[in-house]
Protein backbone atom coordinates (compact mmCIF):
# COMPACT_ATOMS: atom_id res chain seq x y z
CA UNK A 1 22.86 -28.64 11.78
CA UNK A 2 24.15 -31.46 9.61
CA UNK A 3 27.92 -31.83 9.52
CA UNK A 4 28.67 -29.50 12.46
CA UNK A 5 30.09 -30.86 15.68
CA UNK A 6 32.21 -29.89 18.67
CA UNK A 7 33.46 -32.58 21.01
CA UNK A 8 31.94 -32.08 24.46
CA UNK A 9 33.05 -35.44 25.85
CA UNK A 10 33.59 -35.18 29.59
CA UNK A 11 31.13 -32.38 30.12
CA UNK A 12 27.89 -32.71 32.07
CA UNK A 13 25.12 -30.36 30.97
CA UNK A 14 21.83 -29.56 32.66
CA UNK A 15 19.13 -28.29 30.30
CA UNK A 16 15.91 -26.81 31.67
CA UNK A 17 12.65 -26.75 29.75
CA UNK A 18 13.87 -29.83 27.89
CA UNK A 19 10.50 -31.51 27.35
CA UNK A 20 9.82 -29.70 24.08
CA UNK A 21 10.97 -27.07 21.61
CA UNK A 22 14.41 -25.49 21.82
CA UNK A 23 15.27 -27.23 25.09
CA UNK A 24 14.58 -30.65 23.62
CA UNK A 25 16.66 -29.83 20.58
CA UNK A 26 19.54 -28.53 22.69
CA UNK A 27 19.58 -31.64 24.88
CA UNK A 28 19.76 -33.87 21.81
CA UNK A 29 22.55 -31.83 20.22
CA UNK A 30 24.63 -31.74 23.41
CA UNK A 31 24.30 -35.48 23.89
CA UNK A 32 25.24 -36.14 20.26
CA UNK A 33 28.38 -34.07 20.85
CA UNK A 34 29.45 -36.30 23.75
CA UNK A 35 28.14 -34.51 26.83
CA UNK A 36 26.30 -36.24 29.63
CA UNK A 37 22.92 -34.53 29.59
CA UNK A 38 20.49 -33.95 32.44
CA UNK A 39 17.09 -32.98 31.08
CA UNK A 40 14.77 -31.12 33.43
CA UNK A 41 11.14 -30.03 33.10
CA UNK A 42 7.75 -30.49 34.71
CA UNK A 43 6.44 -32.93 32.08
CA UNK A 44 8.39 -35.97 33.19
CA UNK A 45 6.81 -38.43 30.76
CA UNK A 46 8.17 -36.40 27.85
CA UNK A 47 11.59 -36.31 29.46
CA UNK A 48 11.62 -40.09 29.71
CA UNK A 49 10.89 -40.33 26.00
CA UNK A 50 13.74 -37.91 25.27
CA UNK A 51 16.09 -39.84 27.55
CA UNK A 52 15.29 -43.05 25.68
CA UNK A 53 15.92 -41.39 22.32
CA UNK A 54 19.28 -40.02 23.46
CA UNK A 55 20.36 -43.37 24.82
CA UNK A 56 19.20 -45.18 21.67
CA UNK A 57 21.52 -42.88 19.71
CA UNK A 58 24.46 -43.77 21.96
CA UNK A 59 24.29 -40.82 24.37
CA UNK A 60 23.98 -40.63 28.13
CA UNK A 61 21.04 -38.87 29.75
CA UNK A 62 19.15 -38.46 33.00
CA UNK A 63 15.58 -37.20 33.24
CA UNK A 64 14.66 -35.18 36.34
CA UNK A 65 11.38 -33.59 37.39
CA UNK A 66 12.18 -29.91 37.75
CA UNK A 67 10.24 -26.72 38.29
CA UNK A 68 12.88 -24.08 37.55
CA UNK A 69 10.87 -21.42 39.38
CA UNK A 70 11.12 -23.40 42.64
CA UNK A 71 14.41 -23.34 44.54
CA UNK A 72 13.99 -26.71 46.26
CA UNK A 73 13.13 -28.39 42.97
CA UNK A 74 16.16 -26.80 41.31
CA UNK A 75 18.52 -27.93 44.07
CA UNK A 76 17.08 -31.46 43.88
CA UNK A 77 17.70 -31.58 40.13
CA UNK A 78 21.36 -30.70 40.61
CA UNK A 79 21.65 -33.28 43.40
CA UNK A 80 20.30 -35.96 41.05
CA UNK A 81 22.67 -34.85 38.31
CA UNK A 82 25.69 -35.11 40.59
CA UNK A 83 24.62 -38.51 41.87
CA UNK A 84 24.47 -39.80 38.29
CA UNK A 85 27.27 -38.03 36.44
CA UNK A 86 29.27 -35.99 38.93
CA UNK A 87 29.53 -32.22 38.90
CA UNK A 88 27.57 -30.18 36.35
CA UNK A 89 29.86 -27.80 34.44
CA UNK A 90 27.45 -26.67 31.73
CA UNK A 91 24.02 -25.11 32.23
CA UNK A 92 21.46 -24.22 29.58
CA UNK A 93 18.76 -22.10 31.23
CA UNK A 94 15.98 -22.44 28.69
CA UNK A 95 12.71 -22.98 30.59
CA UNK A 96 10.10 -20.38 29.79
CA UNK A 97 6.42 -19.69 29.13
CA UNK A 98 4.39 -17.03 27.37
CA UNK A 99 0.91 -15.66 28.05
CA UNK A 100 -0.05 -13.55 25.05
CA UNK A 101 -2.26 -10.57 25.88
CA UNK A 102 -2.20 -6.82 25.63
CA UNK A 103 -1.20 -5.09 28.85
CA UNK A 104 -4.69 -3.76 29.53
CA UNK A 105 -6.19 -7.25 29.38
CA UNK A 106 -3.50 -9.38 31.00
CA UNK A 107 -4.35 -10.70 34.49
CA UNK A 108 -1.63 -9.90 36.99
CA UNK A 109 -1.49 -13.59 37.89
CA UNK A 110 -0.44 -14.40 34.33
CA UNK A 111 2.16 -11.63 34.40
CA UNK A 112 3.60 -13.00 37.64
CA UNK A 113 3.64 -16.57 36.32
CA UNK A 114 5.72 -15.50 33.30
CA UNK A 115 8.28 -13.72 35.46
CA UNK A 116 8.38 -16.58 37.97
CA UNK A 117 9.60 -19.06 35.37
CA UNK A 118 11.30 -16.88 32.77
CA UNK A 119 13.27 -14.66 35.13
CA UNK A 120 13.38 -16.16 38.61
CA UNK A 121 13.82 -19.58 37.02
CA UNK A 122 16.94 -18.43 35.17
CA UNK A 123 18.30 -16.85 38.36
CA UNK A 124 17.78 -20.01 40.41
CA UNK A 125 19.11 -22.32 37.71
CA UNK A 126 22.22 -20.26 37.01
CA UNK A 127 22.98 -19.53 40.65
CA UNK A 128 22.73 -23.14 41.80
CA UNK A 129 24.86 -24.22 38.87
CA UNK A 130 27.47 -21.59 39.66
CA UNK A 131 27.61 -22.57 43.32
CA UNK A 132 28.37 -26.14 42.34
CA UNK A 133 30.86 -25.21 39.64
CA UNK A 134 32.78 -23.04 42.09
CA UNK A 135 32.78 -25.81 44.69
CA UNK A 136 34.18 -28.14 42.02
CA UNK A 137 37.08 -25.84 41.15
CA UNK A 138 35.83 -23.84 38.17
CA UNK A 139 38.03 -20.90 39.18
CA UNK A 140 41.11 -23.03 38.52
CA UNK A 141 39.76 -24.90 35.50
CA UNK A 142 37.96 -22.03 33.80
CA UNK A 143 35.43 -24.55 32.47
CA UNK A 144 32.12 -23.25 33.82
CA UNK A 145 29.55 -22.48 31.14
CA UNK A 146 26.07 -20.96 31.52
CA UNK A 147 23.99 -20.31 28.41
CA UNK A 148 20.76 -18.41 28.91
CA UNK A 149 17.98 -18.38 26.31
CA UNK A 150 16.37 -14.99 25.82
CA UNK A 151 14.54 -13.62 22.75
CA UNK A 152 14.88 -10.95 20.09
CA UNK A 153 11.69 -9.48 21.56
CA UNK A 154 13.68 -8.59 24.68
CA UNK A 155 16.37 -6.36 23.24
CA UNK A 156 15.85 -5.83 19.54
CA UNK A 157 12.20 -5.14 18.82
CA UNK A 158 8.95 -3.95 20.41
CA UNK A 159 6.10 -6.45 20.13
CA UNK A 160 2.59 -5.53 21.34
CA UNK A 161 0.89 -8.39 23.15
CA UNK A 162 4.15 -9.71 24.60
CA UNK A 163 4.66 -7.25 27.43
CA UNK A 164 5.22 -9.83 30.18
CA UNK A 165 7.25 -12.20 28.02
CA UNK A 166 9.47 -9.54 26.48
CA UNK A 167 10.02 -7.75 29.78
CA UNK A 168 10.92 -11.02 31.50
CA UNK A 169 13.43 -11.81 28.77
CA UNK A 170 14.89 -8.29 28.87
CA UNK A 171 15.40 -8.78 32.60
CA UNK A 172 17.14 -12.07 31.85
CA UNK A 173 19.54 -10.40 29.43
CA UNK A 174 20.70 -7.84 32.00
CA UNK A 175 20.70 -10.44 34.78
CA UNK A 176 23.01 -12.61 32.67
CA UNK A 177 25.49 -9.79 32.08
CA UNK A 178 25.60 -9.04 35.80
CA UNK A 179 26.16 -12.72 36.61
CA UNK A 180 28.92 -12.81 33.99
CA UNK A 181 30.63 -9.91 35.75
CA UNK A 182 30.18 -11.36 39.23
CA UNK A 183 31.55 -14.75 38.19
CA UNK A 184 34.23 -13.60 35.75
CA UNK A 185 37.00 -14.48 38.22
CA UNK A 186 35.29 -17.75 39.20
CA UNK A 187 35.96 -19.50 35.88
CA UNK A 188 32.31 -19.28 34.76
CA UNK A 189 31.19 -17.75 31.48
CA UNK A 190 27.60 -16.53 31.15
CA UNK A 191 26.25 -15.77 27.69
CA UNK A 192 22.83 -15.21 26.13
CA UNK A 193 21.30 -16.56 22.93
CA UNK A 194 18.39 -14.42 21.70
CA UNK A 195 16.61 -16.43 18.99
CA UNK A 196 14.29 -15.00 16.40
CA UNK A 197 10.94 -16.45 15.45
CA UNK A 198 10.80 -20.17 14.78
CA UNK A 199 8.12 -22.83 15.03
CA UNK A 200 8.03 -24.61 18.37
CA UNK A 201 5.27 -26.01 20.55
CA UNK A 202 4.84 -22.67 22.30
CA UNK A 203 3.79 -20.90 19.09
CA UNK A 204 3.03 -23.56 16.46
CA UNK A 205 -0.57 -22.43 15.96
CA UNK A 206 0.41 -18.82 15.26
CA UNK A 207 1.93 -19.34 11.83
CA UNK A 208 -1.31 -20.54 10.21
CA UNK A 209 -3.23 -17.52 11.47
CA UNK A 210 -3.50 -14.16 9.72
CA UNK A 211 -1.39 -12.42 12.37
CA UNK A 212 1.38 -14.98 11.99
CA UNK A 213 1.32 -14.79 8.20
CA UNK A 214 1.46 -11.01 8.36
CA UNK A 215 4.44 -11.16 10.71
CA UNK A 216 6.36 -13.49 8.41
CA UNK A 217 5.56 -11.25 5.45
CA UNK A 218 7.24 -8.36 7.31
CA UNK A 219 10.55 -10.21 7.64
CA UNK A 220 13.21 -9.37 5.03
CA UNK A 221 13.52 -13.05 4.07
CA UNK A 222 9.81 -13.86 4.46
CA UNK A 223 10.39 -16.96 6.60
CA UNK A 224 10.68 -18.25 10.13
CA UNK A 225 13.91 -19.83 11.30
CA UNK A 226 14.86 -23.48 11.39
CA UNK A 227 15.48 -24.64 14.95
CA UNK A 228 18.83 -26.25 14.07
CA UNK A 229 20.19 -22.80 13.18
CA UNK A 230 21.08 -22.36 16.86
CA UNK A 231 23.16 -25.55 17.13
CA UNK A 232 26.63 -24.18 16.24
CA UNK A 233 26.43 -21.24 18.64
CA UNK A 234 25.11 -23.41 21.47
CA UNK A 235 27.93 -25.91 21.09
CA UNK A 236 30.55 -23.17 20.84
CA UNK A 237 29.33 -21.42 24.00
CA UNK A 238 29.29 -24.73 25.90
CA UNK A 239 32.79 -25.67 24.79
CA UNK A 240 36.37 -24.77 25.74
CA UNK A 241 36.62 -22.74 22.52
CA UNK A 242 34.53 -19.98 24.17
CA UNK A 243 36.93 -19.54 27.11
CA UNK A 244 37.24 -15.79 26.47
CA UNK A 245 33.58 -15.10 25.69
CA UNK A 246 31.37 -13.96 28.54
CA UNK A 247 28.64 -11.39 29.09
CA UNK A 248 27.63 -11.42 25.43
CA UNK A 249 24.15 -11.41 23.90
CA UNK A 250 23.90 -13.13 20.52
CA UNK A 251 20.86 -12.39 18.36
CA UNK A 252 20.26 -15.22 15.86
CA UNK A 253 17.19 -14.24 13.85
CA UNK A 254 17.78 -14.64 10.10
CA UNK A 255 17.58 -10.87 9.78
CA UNK A 256 14.02 -10.75 11.11
CA UNK A 257 14.65 -7.61 13.19
CA UNK A 258 16.41 -5.64 10.42
């Protein structure tokens, strides 16, 4: 969002699912605010392009191949981050997928794949980050930050055709609150951003279809969100200003669920 900034100089952030959409945006915003940024995803060529863009703008970035659903891959990403920038103190667990289908028609393999990345991936990413933050003295510093990306379809509305996605995100919301409680005395804050509908690569074709147009027409403001709407909250939750904010779920949806 133009004109908004919080100084994150000195922080090192790892962002999963950074090859496109919200993750890509978040990595760019964090870097522009002074953080060292480690961008992780499976599409490495896209990460290299993002890294080059961040560096061209004066930021510092590292691109790492990362499958957030795989523990060894997650550990390796953190190892690479520490080798380059030192300890990670900020984690944005954003990686996720969606397989749209009604429950009666969805193959169980697709259901499992959604939960593997959307839920287990958040668990692995957050846990490995927390282990390293604690080892680096987060309990004394109080500087550990974990931001988890959920969805308004998890907690605030019922959406047919999104059973696996919405259930995986609902699990993530409760998981995050439990992690916040477990790590409250370890100097680590865990919070959730639940965005409303916006145009990203995962859904860009929907908005030109009748179903997408009908959905937008049902919103009080008759529009989808701009992706930069999330910038101020992300930066706040990653900063020292949010020292006393943990275990919260923030719905940012332009009133779409009203």
